[in-house]
Amino acid sequence: MAASCASSSLLLRPSMLRSTIPWEVASSPRQESVAMRAAIVPGPPSANETWGSGAVDGDDEGEWEEIPVHRVTVRDRQKGVTHSFWVPEDRYILQTGEEQQIDLPFSCRHGCCTACAVRVKSGQLYQPQALGISAELREKGYGLLCVGYPLSDIEVETQDEDEVYWLQFGQYFARNAIDRDDFALELAVADE
């Protein structure tokens, strides 16, 4: 699919759809814009499309803000599949993928583990809350889908959680073989 060079935008006022959107699902103005777009625009956005969030606190005359939408391509190495979907720049990749029924790896959803770890092949990933991976690994192109925002069209590849954990903490583990103490193991099992 060829990407269009033209930029487009979809600007809506919340009053246009108040009767059709369940507002309990929209807990922020930006989520409100996601709900509005989903309610009236079928299918994926065109390449480089942007869409606006509505006014805050019911003020229909508020400022309009354009939010870029980017194509995210996730190659899942463990399952041997590739997913491609659209994600607004202000939305987490994992959450947006799940909303589109895309099965992606995850565990904590808070950026603290490495179950959703990816290696960025191309594009830019913004992830200020990625506590589960070190700054050094982030600089090497690793990221977390659960707390990652796309800043451009992006292509990522899932990583084995143990592999990322080892890259991050392996230097702290014992380097030599550990002598196994079978007697201590028997005592531990007997206590259970």
Protein backbone atom coordinates (compact mmCIF):
# COMPACT_ATOMS: atom_id res chain seq x y z
CA MET A 1 0.00 0.00 0.00
CA ALA A 2 1.54 3.29 -1.08
CA ALA A 3 1.53 6.08 1.47
CA SER A 4 0.03 9.38 0.45
CA CYS A 5 2.24 12.43 0.74
CA ALA A 6 -0.69 14.72 1.42
CA SER A 7 -1.59 15.38 5.02
CA SER A 8 -5.24 15.35 5.96
CA SER A 9 -7.08 16.15 9.13
CA LEU A 10 -10.42 15.32 10.65
CA LEU A 11 -11.62 18.03 12.99
CA LEU A 12 -14.79 17.43 14.96
CA ARG A 13 -16.61 19.21 17.71
CA PRO A 14 -17.88 17.06 20.59
CA SER A 15 -21.39 18.47 20.12
CA MET A 16 -21.52 16.74 16.71
CA LEU A 17 -21.72 13.32 18.33
CA ARG A 18 -22.89 13.78 21.91
CA SER A 19 -25.91 11.54 21.35
CA THR A 20 -23.93 8.69 19.77
CA ILE A 21 -20.89 8.28 22.01
CA PRO A 22 -20.94 6.62 25.43
CA TRP A 23 -19.04 9.30 27.34
CA GLU A 24 -18.22 6.98 30.22
CA VAL A 25 -15.57 5.38 27.97
CA ALA A 26 -13.98 8.73 27.18
CA SER A 27 -12.19 9.85 30.33
CA SER A 28 -10.12 12.57 28.66
CA PRO A 29 -10.49 14.98 25.76
CA ARG A 30 -8.09 12.90 23.69
CA GLN A 31 -10.00 9.69 24.40
CA GLU A 32 -13.12 11.61 23.44
CA SER A 33 -11.54 12.34 20.06
CA VAL A 34 -10.74 8.64 19.63
CA ALA A 35 -14.36 7.75 20.36
CA MET A 36 -15.61 10.41 17.94
CA ARG A 37 -13.35 9.21 15.15
CA ALA A 38 -14.35 5.59 15.69
CA ALA A 39 -18.02 6.58 15.63
CA ILE A 40 -17.98 8.26 12.22
CA VAL A 41 -14.89 7.22 10.27
CA PRO A 42 -14.89 3.60 9.08
CA GLY A 43 -11.64 1.78 8.45
CA PRO A 44 -8.05 2.92 8.90
CA PRO A 45 -7.02 6.55 8.47
CA SER A 46 -5.18 7.61 5.36
CA ALA A 47 -1.41 7.91 5.62
CA ASN A 48 -0.30 10.98 7.58
CA GLU A 49 -3.87 11.73 8.67
CA THR A 50 -4.30 13.82 11.77
CA TRP A 51 -7.41 14.32 13.83
CA GLY A 52 -8.36 16.77 16.50
CA SER A 53 -9.47 16.58 20.06
CA GLY A 54 -12.48 18.60 21.08
CA ALA A 55 -12.89 21.38 23.55
CA VAL A 56 -12.30 20.69 27.22
CA ASP A 57 -15.06 20.66 29.85
CA GLY A 58 -17.92 21.02 27.37
CA ASP A 59 -16.63 24.29 25.91
CA ASP A 60 -17.39 23.72 22.23
CA GLU A 61 -15.48 26.85 21.26
CA GLY A 62 -12.16 25.58 22.64
CA GLU A 63 -8.87 25.26 20.80
CA TRP A 64 -8.50 22.47 18.25
CA GLU A 65 -5.43 20.31 18.41
CA GLU A 66 -4.31 18.08 15.58
CA ILE A 67 -2.99 14.69 16.66
CA PRO A 68 -0.85 12.82 14.11
CA VAL A 69 -1.69 9.17 13.44
CA HIS A 70 1.11 6.72 12.57
CA ARG A 71 1.29 3.22 11.10
CA VAL A 72 2.77 0.78 13.61
CA THR A 73 4.08 -2.55 12.32
CA VAL A 74 4.83 -5.21 14.95
CA ARG A 75 6.64 -8.39 13.89
CA ASP A 76 5.87 -10.99 16.57
CA ARG A 77 8.87 -13.36 16.48
CA GLN A 78 7.34 -15.86 18.90
CA LYS A 79 4.14 -16.34 16.87
CA GLY A 80 5.62 -15.73 13.43
CA VAL A 81 3.04 -13.06 12.49
CA THR A 82 3.20 -9.39 11.57
CA HIS A 83 0.56 -6.87 12.63
CA SER A 84 0.14 -3.45 11.06
CA PHE A 85 -2.27 -0.89 12.53
CA TRP A 86 -2.77 2.85 13.07
CA VAL A 87 -1.96 4.54 16.38
CA PRO A 88 -2.48 8.21 17.31
CA GLU A 89 0.65 9.87 18.66
CA ASP A 90 -0.98 10.36 22.07
CA ARG A 91 -2.04 6.72 22.59
CA TYR A 92 -0.11 3.70 23.86
CA ILE A 93 0.70 1.17 21.14
CA LEU A 94 -0.41 -1.87 23.19
CA GLN A 95 -3.75 -0.38 24.21
CA THR A 96 -4.55 0.79 20.68
CA GLY A 97 -3.60 -2.58 19.20
CA GLU A 98 -5.84 -4.40 21.67
CA GLU A 99 -8.73 -2.08 20.82
CA GLN A 100 -8.29 -3.30 17.24
CA GLN A 101 -8.34 -6.98 18.38
CA ILE A 102 -4.59 -7.42 17.79
CA ASP A 103 -3.00 -9.98 20.11
CA LEU A 104 0.28 -8.53 21.41
CA PRO A 105 2.48 -9.78 24.28
CA PHE A 106 2.09 -8.03 27.65
CA SER A 107 2.04 -8.62 31.39
CA CYS A 108 2.09 -5.63 33.74
CA ARG A 109 0.81 -2.84 31.40
CA HIS A 110 2.80 -0.31 33.46
CA GLY A 111 6.25 -0.40 31.86
CA CYS A 112 7.77 -2.35 34.75
CA CYS A 113 8.42 -5.78 33.22
CA THR A 114 9.79 -6.81 29.83
CA ALA A 115 6.96 -9.02 28.53
CA CYS A 116 6.06 -6.51 25.78
CA ALA A 117 9.67 -5.62 24.93
CA VAL A 118 10.44 -4.78 21.31
CA ARG A 119 13.43 -3.73 19.25
CA VAL A 120 12.76 -0.67 17.10
CA LYS A 121 13.78 -1.40 13.49
CA SER A 122 12.69 1.96 12.07
CA GLY A 123 10.86 5.03 13.29
CA GLN A 124 10.69 6.83 16.62
CA LEU A 125 9.24 5.53 19.89
CA TYR A 126 8.59 7.84 22.85
CA GLN A 127 8.47 5.99 26.18
CA PRO A 128 9.06 8.17 29.24
CA GLN A 129 7.51 5.60 31.63
CA ALA A 130 9.53 2.56 30.47
CA LEU A 131 10.90 1.64 33.89
CA GLY A 132 11.34 -2.03 32.92
CA ILE A 133 14.30 -1.34 30.65
CA SER A 134 17.39 0.71 31.32
CA ALA A 135 18.23 3.97 29.59
CA GLU A 136 21.15 2.14 27.98
CA LEU A 137 18.83 -0.43 26.37
CA ARG A 138 16.42 2.30 25.26
CA GLU A 139 19.35 4.03 23.55
CA LYS A 140 20.12 0.73 21.77
CA GLY A 141 16.60 0.69 20.34
CA TYR A 142 14.65 -1.39 22.85
CA GLY A 143 11.20 -0.33 23.94
CA LEU A 144 8.00 -1.41 25.68
CA LEU A 145 4.70 -1.52 23.80
CA CYS A 146 2.59 -0.94 26.91
CA VAL A 147 4.01 2.55 27.56
CA GLY A 148 5.29 3.43 24.09
CA TYR A 149 3.90 6.21 21.89
CA PRO A 150 4.74 6.34 18.16
CA LEU A 151 6.27 9.63 17.00
CA SER A 152 6.44 8.47 13.37
CA ASP A 153 5.52 5.43 11.32
CA ILE A 154 7.36 2.71 13.20
CA GLU A 155 8.43 -0.90 12.71
CA VAL A 156 9.28 -3.02 15.75
CA GLU A 157 10.10 -6.65 16.47
CA THR A 158 9.12 -8.46 19.66
CA GLN A 159 11.93 -9.74 21.85
CA ASP A 160 12.12 -12.70 24.17
CA GLU A 161 11.47 -11.44 27.70
CA ASP A 162 14.34 -13.51 29.12
CA GLU A 163 16.71 -12.15 26.48
CA VAL A 164 15.94 -8.54 27.43
CA TYR A 165 16.14 -9.38 31.13
CA TRP A 166 19.56 -10.97 30.60
CA LEU A 167 20.82 -7.97 28.60
CA GLN A 168 19.76 -5.73 31.42
CA PHE A 169 20.71 -7.74 34.50
CA GLY A 170 22.96 -10.60 33.29
CA GLN A 171 26.12 -8.78 34.31
CA TYR A 172 25.04 -9.10 37.93
CA PHE A 173 24.51 -12.88 37.91
CA ALA A 174 27.17 -15.40 38.96
CA ARG A 175 29.55 -16.23 36.12
CA ASN A 176 30.68 -19.67 37.31
CA ALA A 177 28.71 -22.84 37.74
CA ILE A 178 26.87 -23.04 41.03
CA ASP A 179 27.33 -26.19 43.13
CA ARG A 180 23.97 -27.70 43.79
CA ASP A 181 23.21 -28.60 47.40
CA ASP A 182 20.75 -31.49 47.19
CA PHE A 183 20.45 -31.73 50.97
CA ALA A 184 19.35 -28.07 51.20
CA LEU A 185 16.83 -28.68 48.41
CA GLU A 186 15.39 -31.67 50.30
CA LEU A 187 15.03 -29.58 53.45
CA ALA A 188 13.29 -26.79 51.53
CA VAL A 189 10.86 -29.22 49.91
CA ALA A 190 10.16 -30.89 53.27
CA ASP A 191 9.17 -27.53 54.78
CA GLU A 192 6.45 -27.05 52.16
